[in-house]
Protein backbone atom coordinates (compact mmCIF):
# COMPACT_ATOMS: atom_id res chain seq x y z
CA UNK A 1 137.71 87.60 85.01
CA UNK A 2 136.31 84.58 83.21
CA UNK A 3 132.48 84.61 83.29
CA UNK A 4 130.49 81.61 84.38
CA UNK A 5 127.16 82.94 83.06
CA UNK A 6 126.18 85.16 80.15
CA UNK A 7 122.68 86.62 79.81
CA UNK A 8 121.99 87.82 76.27
CA UNK A 9 119.26 88.88 73.82
CA UNK A 10 117.60 91.19 76.33
CA UNK A 11 116.60 94.83 76.58
CA UNK A 12 118.58 95.86 79.63
CA UNK A 13 117.80 99.14 81.37
CA UNK A 14 120.98 99.27 83.42
CA UNK A 15 120.29 102.46 85.48
CA UNK A 16 123.96 103.22 84.82
CA UNK A 17 124.18 106.70 83.30
CA UNK A 18 127.42 105.81 81.51
CA UNK A 19 125.74 102.92 79.70
CA UNK A 20 121.95 103.20 80.06
CA UNK A 21 121.01 100.36 77.69
CA UNK A 22 122.62 97.03 76.78
CA UNK A 23 121.53 93.70 75.36
CA UNK A 24 123.79 91.36 77.36
CA UNK A 25 125.90 91.06 80.48
CA UNK A 26 128.28 88.50 81.92
CA UNK A 27 128.48 87.23 85.49
CA UNK A 28 131.31 85.63 87.46
CA UNK A 29 130.92 84.41 91.03
CA UNK A 30 127.74 86.41 91.47
CA UNK A 31 129.09 89.72 90.16
CA UNK A 32 128.76 91.46 86.81
CA UNK A 33 132.02 91.39 84.85
CA UNK A 34 130.88 92.73 81.47
CA UNK A 35 127.97 94.73 80.02
CA UNK A 36 127.79 94.92 76.25
CA UNK A 37 125.93 93.76 73.15
CA UNK A 38 124.84 90.17 72.68
CA UNK A 39 127.15 89.74 69.71
CA UNK A 40 130.16 90.95 71.68
CA UNK A 41 129.59 88.79 74.73
CA UNK A 42 128.33 85.67 73.01
CA UNK A 43 131.48 85.53 70.90
CA UNK A 44 133.19 84.57 74.14
CA UNK A 45 133.71 80.82 74.36
CA UNK A 46 134.72 79.13 77.58
CA UNK A 47 134.20 75.64 78.90
CA UNK A 48 131.81 75.70 81.83
CA UNK A 49 130.19 79.05 80.97
CA UNK A 50 126.38 78.91 80.82
CA UNK A 51 124.45 81.00 78.29
CA UNK A 52 120.92 82.25 78.97
CA UNK A 53 118.65 83.65 76.28
CA UNK A 54 116.48 86.43 77.70
CA UNK A 55 114.30 86.24 74.58
CA UNK A 56 114.18 90.03 74.25
CA UNK A 57 112.66 90.49 77.70
CA UNK A 58 113.28 93.73 79.61
CA UNK A 59 115.76 93.50 82.48
CA UNK A 60 116.21 96.06 85.27
CA UNK A 61 118.24 96.05 88.49
CA UNK A 62 116.46 94.46 91.44
CA UNK A 63 114.17 96.81 93.31
CA UNK A 64 115.63 98.08 96.57
CA UNK A 65 113.05 99.10 99.18
CA UNK A 66 115.02 101.47 101.40
CA UNK A 67 112.51 101.51 104.27
CA UNK A 68 110.23 98.53 104.87
CA UNK A 69 109.56 96.79 108.18
CA UNK A 70 110.39 93.30 107.07
CA UNK A 71 109.37 91.31 110.12
CA UNK A 72 106.21 93.36 110.60
CA UNK A 73 105.13 92.62 107.04
CA UNK A 74 105.76 88.97 107.82
CA UNK A 75 103.90 89.28 111.10
CA UNK A 76 100.70 90.31 109.32
CA UNK A 77 101.23 87.45 106.86
CA UNK A 78 101.54 84.89 109.66
CA UNK A 79 100.30 85.50 113.20
CA UNK A 80 98.86 89.01 113.68
CA UNK A 81 95.36 90.14 112.73
CA UNK A 82 95.48 92.48 109.72
CA UNK A 83 92.93 95.29 110.03
CA UNK A 84 94.08 97.35 107.07
CA UNK A 85 91.11 98.41 105.01
CA UNK A 86 88.40 97.92 107.66
CA UNK A 87 85.62 100.41 106.99
CA UNK A 88 84.05 100.90 110.41
CA UNK A 89 84.47 100.25 114.11
CA UNK A 90 81.74 97.63 113.80
CA UNK A 91 83.75 95.78 111.16
CA UNK A 92 86.88 96.07 113.28
CA UNK A 93 85.02 94.66 116.28
CA UNK A 94 83.71 91.72 114.28
CA UNK A 95 87.18 90.91 112.94
CA UNK A 96 88.64 91.06 116.44
CA UNK A 97 85.90 88.85 117.86
CA UNK A 98 86.30 86.25 115.12
CA UNK A 99 90.08 86.25 115.54
CA UNK A 100 89.90 85.83 119.30
CA UNK A 101 87.50 82.90 118.96
CA UNK A 102 89.78 81.27 116.39
CA UNK A 103 92.84 81.66 118.64
CA UNK A 104 91.95 80.70 122.21
CA UNK A 105 95.62 79.90 122.83
CA UNK A 106 96.78 83.52 122.52
CA UNK A 107 97.57 85.36 125.74
CA UNK A 108 97.15 88.76 124.03
CA UNK A 109 95.01 89.57 120.99
CA UNK A 110 97.18 91.75 118.78
CA UNK A 111 96.19 93.49 115.56
CA UNK A 112 97.23 96.34 113.32
CA UNK A 113 96.08 98.48 110.45
CA UNK A 114 92.92 100.51 111.13
CA UNK A 115 92.61 104.03 109.72
CA UNK A 116 89.82 106.08 111.27
CA UNK A 117 89.49 108.24 108.15
CA UNK A 118 87.97 105.22 106.41
CA UNK A 119 85.21 105.04 109.05
CA UNK A 120 81.89 106.81 108.27
CA UNK A 121 82.07 108.88 111.47
CA UNK A 122 85.90 109.27 111.42
CA UNK A 123 85.88 108.34 115.13
CA UNK A 124 89.03 107.05 116.80
CA UNK A 125 88.19 103.84 118.71
CA UNK A 126 88.72 103.63 122.47
CA UNK A 127 88.97 100.94 125.11
CA UNK A 128 85.20 100.59 125.40
CA UNK A 129 84.95 99.65 121.72
CA UNK A 130 87.40 96.82 122.38
CA UNK A 131 85.81 95.82 125.71
CA UNK A 132 82.50 95.34 123.92
CA UNK A 133 83.87 92.33 122.02
CA UNK A 134 86.83 91.07 124.10
CA UNK A 135 87.08 91.55 127.84
CA UNK A 136 88.65 88.30 129.02
CA UNK A 137 92.05 88.89 127.38
CA UNK A 138 94.17 92.00 126.85
CA UNK A 139 93.76 93.49 123.38
CA UNK A 140 96.13 95.74 121.43
CA UNK A 141 95.10 97.45 118.20
CA UNK A 142 97.80 99.49 116.45
CA UNK A 143 96.83 102.17 113.97
CA UNK A 144 98.12 101.71 110.42
CA UNK A 145 100.88 104.30 110.98
CA UNK A 146 102.23 102.36 114.01
CA UNK A 147 102.44 105.64 115.96
CA UNK A 148 99.16 105.16 117.84
CA UNK A 149 97.69 102.27 119.78
CA UNK A 150 94.36 101.39 121.36
CA UNK A 151 94.10 98.83 124.18
CA UNK A 152 91.17 97.46 126.16
CA UNK A 153 90.53 97.88 129.87
CA UNK A 154 92.14 94.58 130.80
CA UNK A 155 95.30 95.55 128.90
CA UNK A 156 95.42 98.79 130.90
CA UNK A 157 95.23 96.75 134.08
CA UNK A 158 97.84 94.21 132.98
CA UNK A 159 100.17 97.05 131.98
CA UNK A 160 99.67 98.82 135.30
CA UNK A 161 98.50 102.03 133.65
CA UNK A 162 96.16 104.48 135.35
CA UNK A 163 95.47 108.21 135.44
CA UNK A 164 98.49 108.51 137.72
CA UNK A 165 100.96 106.94 135.28
CA UNK A 166 103.68 109.43 134.22
CA UNK A 167 103.62 110.19 130.51
CA UNK A 168 106.99 109.59 128.79
CA UNK A 169 108.45 112.60 127.00
CA UNK A 170 107.37 112.60 123.36
CA UNK A 171 104.19 110.62 123.96
CA UNK A 172 100.57 110.92 125.03
CA UNK A 173 98.12 108.97 127.17
CA UNK A 174 94.72 110.18 126.02
CA UNK A 175 92.24 110.72 128.85
CA UNK A 176 88.46 110.56 129.11
CA UNK A 177 86.46 113.52 130.51
CA UNK A 178 86.58 111.87 133.95
CA UNK A 179 90.40 111.89 133.84
CA UNK A 180 90.88 108.15 133.36
CA UNK A 181 92.80 106.65 130.39
CA UNK A 182 90.75 106.15 127.24
CA UNK A 183 93.05 103.32 126.12
CA UNK A 184 94.55 105.53 123.39
CA UNK A 185 98.34 105.95 123.40
CA UNK A 186 100.65 107.75 120.97
CA UNK A 187 104.36 107.71 120.16
CA UNK A 188 106.73 106.98 123.06
CA UNK A 189 103.85 106.22 125.45
CA UNK A 190 103.27 103.01 123.49
CA UNK A 191 106.39 101.68 125.20
CA UNK A 192 104.37 101.45 128.43
CA UNK A 193 102.31 98.71 126.81
CA UNK A 194 105.04 96.97 124.83
CA UNK A 195 106.87 95.80 127.93
CA UNK A 196 103.76 93.93 129.11
CA UNK A 197 103.18 92.03 125.85
CA UNK A 198 105.03 88.70 125.68
CA UNK A 199 108.00 89.14 123.33
CA UNK A 200 108.22 87.11 120.16
CA UNK A 201 110.52 84.11 120.22
CA UNK A 202 113.40 83.79 117.78
CA UNK A 203 111.60 81.08 115.82
CA UNK A 204 108.53 83.33 115.45
CA UNK A 205 110.68 86.16 114.08
CA UNK A 206 112.30 83.70 111.69
CA UNK A 207 108.89 82.60 110.39
CA UNK A 208 107.88 86.22 109.81
CA UNK A 209 111.09 87.07 107.96
CA UNK A 210 110.83 84.01 105.73
CA UNK A 211 107.23 84.87 104.85
CA UNK A 212 108.14 88.46 104.04
CA UNK A 213 111.07 87.41 101.86
CA UNK A 214 108.86 85.25 99.68
CA UNK A 215 106.33 88.07 99.30
CA UNK A 216 109.07 90.56 98.38
CA UNK A 217 110.58 88.30 95.75
CA UNK A 218 107.25 88.03 93.94
CA UNK A 219 107.32 91.77 93.24
CA UNK A 220 111.03 91.99 92.39
CA UNK A 221 112.48 93.28 95.66
CA UNK A 222 116.03 91.96 95.91
CA UNK A 223 117.24 94.29 98.70
CA UNK A 224 115.35 95.73 101.64
CA UNK A 225 116.13 97.91 104.65
CA UNK A 226 114.46 97.11 107.96
CA UNK A 227 114.54 100.56 109.59
CA UNK A 228 113.68 99.84 113.23
CA UNK A 229 115.40 96.75 114.58
CA UNK A 230 115.56 95.85 118.25
CA UNK A 231 118.41 93.71 119.67
CA UNK A 232 116.45 90.43 119.78
CA UNK A 233 115.41 90.80 116.14
CA UNK A 234 118.95 91.70 115.11
CA UNK A 235 120.22 88.44 116.60
CA UNK A 236 117.67 86.55 114.50
CA UNK A 237 118.89 88.30 111.36
CA UNK A 238 122.48 87.39 112.27
CA UNK A 239 121.50 83.77 112.88
CA UNK A 240 119.62 83.53 109.59
CA UNK A 241 122.50 85.09 107.67
CA UNK A 242 124.91 82.58 109.20
CA UNK A 243 122.56 79.73 108.29
CA UNK A 244 122.20 80.96 104.69
CA UNK A 245 118.47 81.58 105.09
CA UNK A 246 118.41 85.17 103.83
CA UNK A 247 117.38 85.17 100.18
CA UNK A 248 117.31 88.94 99.75
CA UNK A 249 119.99 91.37 100.85
CA UNK A 250 118.99 93.03 104.11
CA UNK A 251 120.18 96.25 105.69
CA UNK A 252 119.17 96.18 109.34
CA UNK A 253 119.01 99.54 111.12
CA UNK A 254 118.97 99.16 114.92
CA UNK A 255 116.91 101.55 117.05
CA UNK A 256 118.93 103.61 119.54
CA UNK A 257 116.07 104.73 121.80
CA UNK A 258 113.08 102.37 122.18
CA UNK A 259 109.61 103.82 122.80
CA UNK A 260 109.35 105.08 126.35
CA UNK A 261 113.05 104.71 127.12
CA UNK A 262 115.17 107.56 128.46
CA UNK A 263 118.52 105.93 127.71
CA UNK A 264 120.03 104.77 124.46
CA UNK A 265 120.75 101.17 123.64
CA UNK A 266 124.43 100.36 122.95
CA UNK A 267 125.70 100.79 119.43
CA UNK A 268 125.40 97.52 117.49
CA UNK A 269 128.25 95.46 116.14
CA UNK A 270 129.24 96.77 112.71
CA UNK A 271 128.43 94.12 110.07
CA UNK A 272 129.08 93.93 106.33
CA UNK A 273 128.07 90.56 104.90
CA UNK A 274 126.73 89.89 101.42
CA UNK A 275 123.21 89.31 102.75
CA UNK A 276 123.25 91.33 105.98
CA UNK A 277 124.56 94.79 106.65
CA UNK A 278 124.49 96.77 109.91
CA UNK A 279 126.14 100.18 109.64
CA UNK A 280 123.34 102.65 110.40
CA UNK A 281 121.34 103.52 113.53
CA UNK A 282 117.79 104.84 113.82
CA UNK A 283 116.15 107.70 115.70
CA UNK A 284 112.56 108.97 115.74
CA UNK A 285 112.05 112.74 115.77
CA UNK A 286 108.26 112.82 115.43
CA UNK A 287 105.18 110.84 114.42
CA UNK A 288 103.08 110.55 111.27
CA UNK A 289 100.97 112.91 109.17
CA UNK A 290 98.12 110.48 108.61
CA UNK A 291 97.44 110.30 112.35
CA UNK A 292 98.30 113.95 113.17
CA UNK A 293 101.36 113.17 115.30
CA UNK A 294 104.06 114.55 112.97
CA UNK A 295 105.47 117.77 114.49
CA UNK A 296 104.23 120.82 112.56
CA UNK A 297 104.75 124.58 112.83
CA UNK A 298 101.17 125.17 111.75
CA UNK A 299 98.32 123.32 113.49
CA UNK A 300 96.48 120.53 111.77
CA UNK A 301 93.31 121.51 109.93
CA UNK A 302 90.41 122.42 112.24
CA UNK A 303 92.60 121.81 115.27
CA UNK A 304 95.01 123.45 117.68
CA UNK A 305 97.19 120.32 117.63
CA UNK A 306 100.74 120.62 116.26
CA UNK A 307 101.75 116.95 116.61
CA UNK A 308 104.50 115.50 118.75
CA UNK A 309 108.27 116.13 118.78
CA UNK A 310 109.97 113.07 120.23
CA UNK A 311 113.53 114.39 120.51
CA UNK A 312 115.30 117.42 121.87
CA UNK A 313 118.64 118.60 120.54
CA UNK A 314 120.31 118.13 123.93
CA UNK A 315 119.21 114.50 124.01
CA UNK A 316 119.77 113.71 120.32
CA UNK A 317 123.09 115.42 119.65
CA UNK A 318 125.36 113.34 121.96
CA UNK A 319 123.94 110.07 120.60
CA UNK A 320 124.29 111.23 117.00
CA UNK A 321 127.87 112.32 117.68
CA UNK A 322 128.66 108.95 119.26
CA UNK A 323 127.32 107.16 116.19
CA UNK A 324 129.30 109.39 113.83
CA UNK A 325 132.54 108.94 115.78
CA UNK A 326 132.08 105.16 115.52
CA UNK A 327 131.53 105.37 111.74
CA UNK A 328 127.81 104.61 111.86
CA UNK A 329 125.49 106.48 109.57
CA UNK A 330 122.28 107.93 110.99
CA UNK A 331 118.72 107.47 109.76
CA UNK A 332 116.16 109.69 111.47
CA UNK A 333 112.41 109.58 111.09
CA UNK A 334 111.37 113.20 110.50
CA UNK A 335 108.12 114.08 108.73
CA UNK A 336 106.92 117.46 110.00
CA UNK A 337 108.79 120.70 109.43
CA UNK A 338 109.59 121.10 113.14
CA UNK A 339 111.21 117.67 113.23
CA UNK A 340 113.12 118.20 109.99
CA UNK A 341 114.56 121.47 111.33
CA UNK A 342 115.77 119.68 114.45
CA UNK A 343 117.33 116.76 112.61
CA UNK A 344 119.22 118.94 110.15
CA UNK A 345 120.45 121.12 112.99
CA UNK A 346 121.94 118.03 114.63
CA UNK A 347 123.33 116.66 111.36
CA UNK A 348 125.01 119.99 110.71
CA UNK A 349 126.48 119.98 114.22
CA UNK A 350 128.10 116.56 113.81
CA UNK A 351 129.39 117.06 110.28
CA UNK A 352 133.11 117.41 109.88
CA UNK A 353 134.02 120.65 108.19
CA UNK A 354 134.22 120.17 104.44
CA UNK A 355 133.63 116.40 104.64
CA UNK A 356 130.17 114.96 104.10
CA UNK A 357 131.02 111.66 102.45
CA UNK A 358 128.79 109.64 104.75
CA UNK A 359 125.17 109.62 103.60
CA UNK A 360 123.07 110.25 106.66
CA UNK A 361 119.39 109.89 105.94
CA UNK A 362 116.06 111.47 106.71
CA UNK A 363 113.25 108.95 106.65
CA UNK A 364 109.97 110.13 105.06
CA UNK A 365 110.70 113.90 104.77
CA UNK A 366 107.07 114.93 104.58
CA UNK A 367 107.22 118.72 104.73
CA UNK A 368 110.71 120.14 104.18
CA UNK A 369 111.23 123.84 103.54
CA UNK A 370 113.37 125.17 100.72
CA UNK A 371 116.07 125.97 103.26
CA UNK A 372 115.86 122.39 104.57
CA UNK A 373 116.47 121.08 101.06
CA UNK A 374 119.45 123.36 100.50
CA UNK A 375 120.98 122.19 103.77
CA UNK A 376 120.32 118.53 102.94
CA UNK A 377 122.21 118.97 99.68
CA UNK A 378 125.17 120.67 101.37
CA UNK A 379 125.33 117.96 104.06
CA UNK A 380 124.94 115.08 101.58
CA UNK A 381 121.77 113.82 103.31
CA UNK A 382 119.63 111.29 101.44
CA UNK A 383 115.84 111.57 101.36
CA UNK A 384 114.20 108.18 101.89
CA UNK A 385 110.60 108.75 100.80
CA UNK A 386 107.40 106.78 100.17
CA UNK A 387 105.32 107.94 97.18
CA UNK A 388 102.81 105.18 97.97
CA UNK A 389 101.68 107.35 100.91
CA UNK A 390 100.02 109.68 98.40
CA UNK A 391 97.92 106.80 97.11
CA UNK A 392 97.05 105.00 100.34
CA UNK A 393 97.05 107.83 102.89
CA UNK A 394 96.13 110.76 100.68
CA UNK A 395 92.62 110.98 102.08
CA UNK A 396 94.14 111.54 105.52
CA UNK A 397 96.38 114.30 104.21
CA UNK A 398 93.45 116.07 102.59
CA UNK A 399 91.43 115.85 105.77
CA UNK A 400 94.12 116.85 108.25
CA UNK A 401 96.62 119.16 106.50
CA UNK A 402 96.26 122.90 105.99
CA UNK A 403 96.19 123.85 102.31
CA UNK A 404 99.70 125.32 102.36
CA UNK A 405 101.09 121.98 103.55
CA UNK A 406 98.91 119.90 101.25
CA UNK A 407 100.33 121.71 98.22
CA UNK A 408 103.88 120.49 98.98
CA UNK A 409 103.54 117.30 101.00
CA UNK A 410 106.21 114.65 100.20
CA UNK A 411 107.87 116.88 97.57
CA UNK A 412 109.90 114.40 95.54
CA UNK A 413 110.27 116.75 92.56
CA UNK A 414 111.70 119.47 94.78
CA UNK A 415 114.13 116.97 96.31
CA UNK A 416 115.45 116.09 92.86
CA UNK A 417 115.60 119.73 91.77
CA UNK A 418 117.91 120.45 94.70
CA UNK A 419 120.26 117.63 93.67
CA UNK A 420 119.48 115.49 96.73
CA UNK A 421 119.77 111.74 96.48
CA UNK A 422 116.24 110.32 96.41
CA UNK A 423 115.52 106.77 97.60
CA UNK A 424 112.11 105.15 97.33
CA UNK A 425 110.44 102.71 99.69
CA UNK A 426 107.01 101.83 101.09
CA UNK A 427 107.23 101.74 104.91
CA UNK A 428 104.99 98.64 104.74
CA UNK A 429 103.01 97.52 106.63
CA UNK A 430 102.04 101.17 107.18
CA UNK A 431 100.64 100.68 103.66
CA UNK A 432 99.27 97.42 102.33
CA UNK A 433 100.78 97.55 98.83
CA UNK A 434 104.57 97.20 98.78
CA UNK A 435 104.82 96.48 95.05
CA UNK A 436 107.47 98.94 93.77
CA UNK A 437 105.46 99.44 90.57
CA UNK A 438 102.55 100.84 92.57
CA UNK A 439 104.93 103.24 94.30
CA UNK A 440 106.39 104.26 90.96
CA UNK A 441 102.89 104.96 89.61
CA UNK A 442 102.07 107.07 92.68
CA UNK A 443 105.23 109.13 92.12
CA UNK A 444 104.25 109.69 88.49
CA UNK A 445 100.58 110.61 88.90
CA UNK A 446 100.31 111.79 92.56
CA UNK A 447 96.71 110.53 92.81
CA UNK A 448 95.05 109.23 95.95
CA UNK A 449 92.82 106.15 96.03
CA UNK A 450 89.87 108.25 94.86
CA UNK A 451 91.78 109.62 91.88
CA UNK A 452 92.23 113.08 93.41
CA UNK A 453 95.59 114.81 92.82
CA UNK A 454 97.81 115.79 95.75
CA UNK A 455 100.57 118.32 95.05
CA UNK A 456 100.58 117.45 91.33
CA UNK A 457 103.51 119.84 90.79
CA UNK A 458 105.63 117.23 92.58
CA UNK A 459 105.13 114.56 89.91
CA UNK A 460 108.29 112.99 88.51
CA UNK A 461 109.07 110.89 85.45
CA UNK A 462 109.09 107.11 85.20
CA UNK A 463 112.86 107.09 84.76
CA UNK A 464 113.36 109.26 87.83
CA UNK A 465 111.10 106.98 89.89
CA UNK A 466 112.82 103.83 88.63
CA UNK A 467 116.21 105.27 89.51
CA UNK A 468 114.98 106.16 93.01
CA UNK A 469 113.91 102.54 93.54
CA UNK A 470 117.28 101.15 92.42
CA UNK A 471 120.40 103.34 92.36
CA UNK A 472 118.95 105.99 94.69
CA UNK A 473 118.17 103.44 97.38
CA UNK A 474 121.62 101.91 97.00
CA UNK A 475 123.23 105.31 97.56
CA UNK A 476 121.07 105.99 100.62
CA UNK A 477 122.26 102.69 102.08
CA UNK A 478 125.90 103.29 101.19
CA UNK A 479 125.71 100.37 98.75
CA UNK A 480 126.24 102.13 95.43
CA UNK A 481 129.44 100.14 94.90
CA UNK A 482 127.67 96.78 94.89
CA UNK A 483 124.04 97.19 93.78
CA UNK A 484 121.51 99.57 92.24
CA UNK A 485 122.54 99.24 88.59
CA UNK A 486 123.70 96.64 86.12
CA UNK A 487 127.33 97.73 86.17
CA UNK A 488 130.66 95.95 86.15
CA UNK A 489 131.73 95.08 89.68
CA UNK A 490 128.23 95.02 91.19
CA UNK A 491 126.24 91.99 92.24
CA UNK A 492 124.10 90.45 89.53
CA UNK A 493 120.82 91.25 91.25
CA UNK A 494 118.17 91.84 88.59
CA UNK A 495 114.58 91.23 87.60
CA UNK A 496 113.10 90.20 84.28
CA UNK A 497 109.87 91.96 83.29
CA UNK A 498 107.12 90.76 80.96
CA UNK A 499 107.22 94.00 78.99
CA UNK A 500 109.24 97.18 78.52
CA UNK A 501 108.17 99.53 81.32
CA UNK A 502 109.47 102.53 79.39
CA UNK A 503 107.07 101.90 76.50
CA UNK A 504 103.77 101.65 78.36
CA UNK A 505 101.47 104.43 79.49
CA UNK A 506 101.50 105.54 83.12
CA UNK A 507 98.18 103.80 83.73
CA UNK A 508 99.70 100.53 82.51
CA UNK A 509 102.74 100.58 84.82
CA UNK A 510 101.11 98.35 87.41
CA UNK A 511 100.07 95.89 84.69
CA UNK A 512 103.73 95.05 84.17
CA UNK A 513 104.73 91.78 85.81
CA UNK A 514 107.98 90.48 87.25
CA UNK A 515 108.58 87.09 85.64
CA UNK A 516 111.96 86.22 87.18
CA UNK A 517 114.21 87.41 89.99
CA UNK A 518 117.95 86.76 90.11
CA UNK A 519 120.24 87.47 93.03
CA UNK A 520 123.96 87.01 92.55
CA UNK A 521 123.17 85.68 89.08
CA UNK A 522 121.10 82.82 90.54
CA UNK A 523 117.38 82.42 90.00
CA UNK A 524 115.48 83.03 93.25
CA UNK A 525 111.94 83.12 91.98
CA UNK A 526 109.95 82.93 88.77
CA UNK A 527 110.56 81.54 85.31
CA UNK A 528 114.23 80.93 84.42
CA UNK A 529 115.85 82.33 81.31
CA UNK A 530 116.35 79.77 78.56
CA UNK A 531 119.67 77.95 78.84
CA UNK A 532 121.16 77.49 75.41
CA UNK A 533 124.31 77.07 73.38
CA UNK A 534 122.73 78.59 70.28
CA UNK A 535 123.35 82.31 69.91
């Protein structure tokens, strides 16, 4: 195929094991048609072909975040109060008060991001903490993990929740000593509140998605998977794809069972567009480690609490089988060892004998056993993991996890040793930093924000981390034929770096900068390569 663009004079880390390094590649109609040396490709002469001098810059495939809540990232960038990083309940109260005063038009005051481990007293807030600053409007404060929520007294009233409200399976309504709700809800019980909050309009979702896209492009993310999409949001994605408004390639994974629901939503319409793909469905098996809701066999440190299992096999298996029979892949949130056991039991039950070509996924995979890893390999299950958790949530792990768990939490090295496909992601806005380079550094050094190591035996190399953020994520999404490496036949989605990542120290990884982002061979953000006819 005749190329229409040739990029040359670069140091190209292709992530293609058959040809790991090149100096040039050619593009035709958005896809790569040749990967070779600059001399070989620049000898090609064709009228209408553009030539771009990379000036010896390093080029890598575009980063592919395999699990990031796109619209929620955009929500915190646009119209929701961001509480990530607040250091006390007092600070949280002041931020809420200021926000409410600045937005008298809002029917509900909504915010997200607190982490009680950052508070001096480690106390979880309750409705009285919110009442003290806002009592005239309902208030919702979601913990950073998005698996726990605090609401004020008026929100309880508006939502019709009392001590007599039935608790949905897989959730909790925390009670005060007098038996009344404290305003603290976990897991599926959060659905009791969600139905009372005015839903976002399509135009509001669109604004959030556009804001998130621009933020992603700045750090070199060319593909992203939104792993928990409700029907109204999915329609917005479809509308934006049709209008040509999606700049990055999006895999949308619809939720089958919303929080608090006892019935599954219908399977979505299968979609395979260049900028929007829908071929996977999502389930939640448990909660999160940082907030002690992931389902564990051992209790959390200094506690009798084992977390929360949100699914039973009898409930999960028929829905998983329905998805498989309709050619949908399955992505299941499973962090604790109890949840991972359940999910793999179901995956094994629905697998066709001797045929595991479809990559089902486990999202997060916090505490798998050796037997879990062996079964994942035999079933061809991808591990979609977030090394950034070690950096941003490590203090929680050290406070809440028994030592035996802490020594093997988020075991990316063990995943690779078992031959399992490893995909990297951030789960933002659970974490504040969604720069892939920060995640790569966390996978390499396994240090928390205080510089303390967590399961250092699970460190991996820079090349392994880079592959997980590109080719590994593509495989997890079933997209290895069109992205993840600079290879003939794949889309020309790539980023240009200001230095060679492979030649800097680990501590300098996050000093590297993305200077240009190309999708389909077209510049989307940053400084363009030099157009020239001189080779």
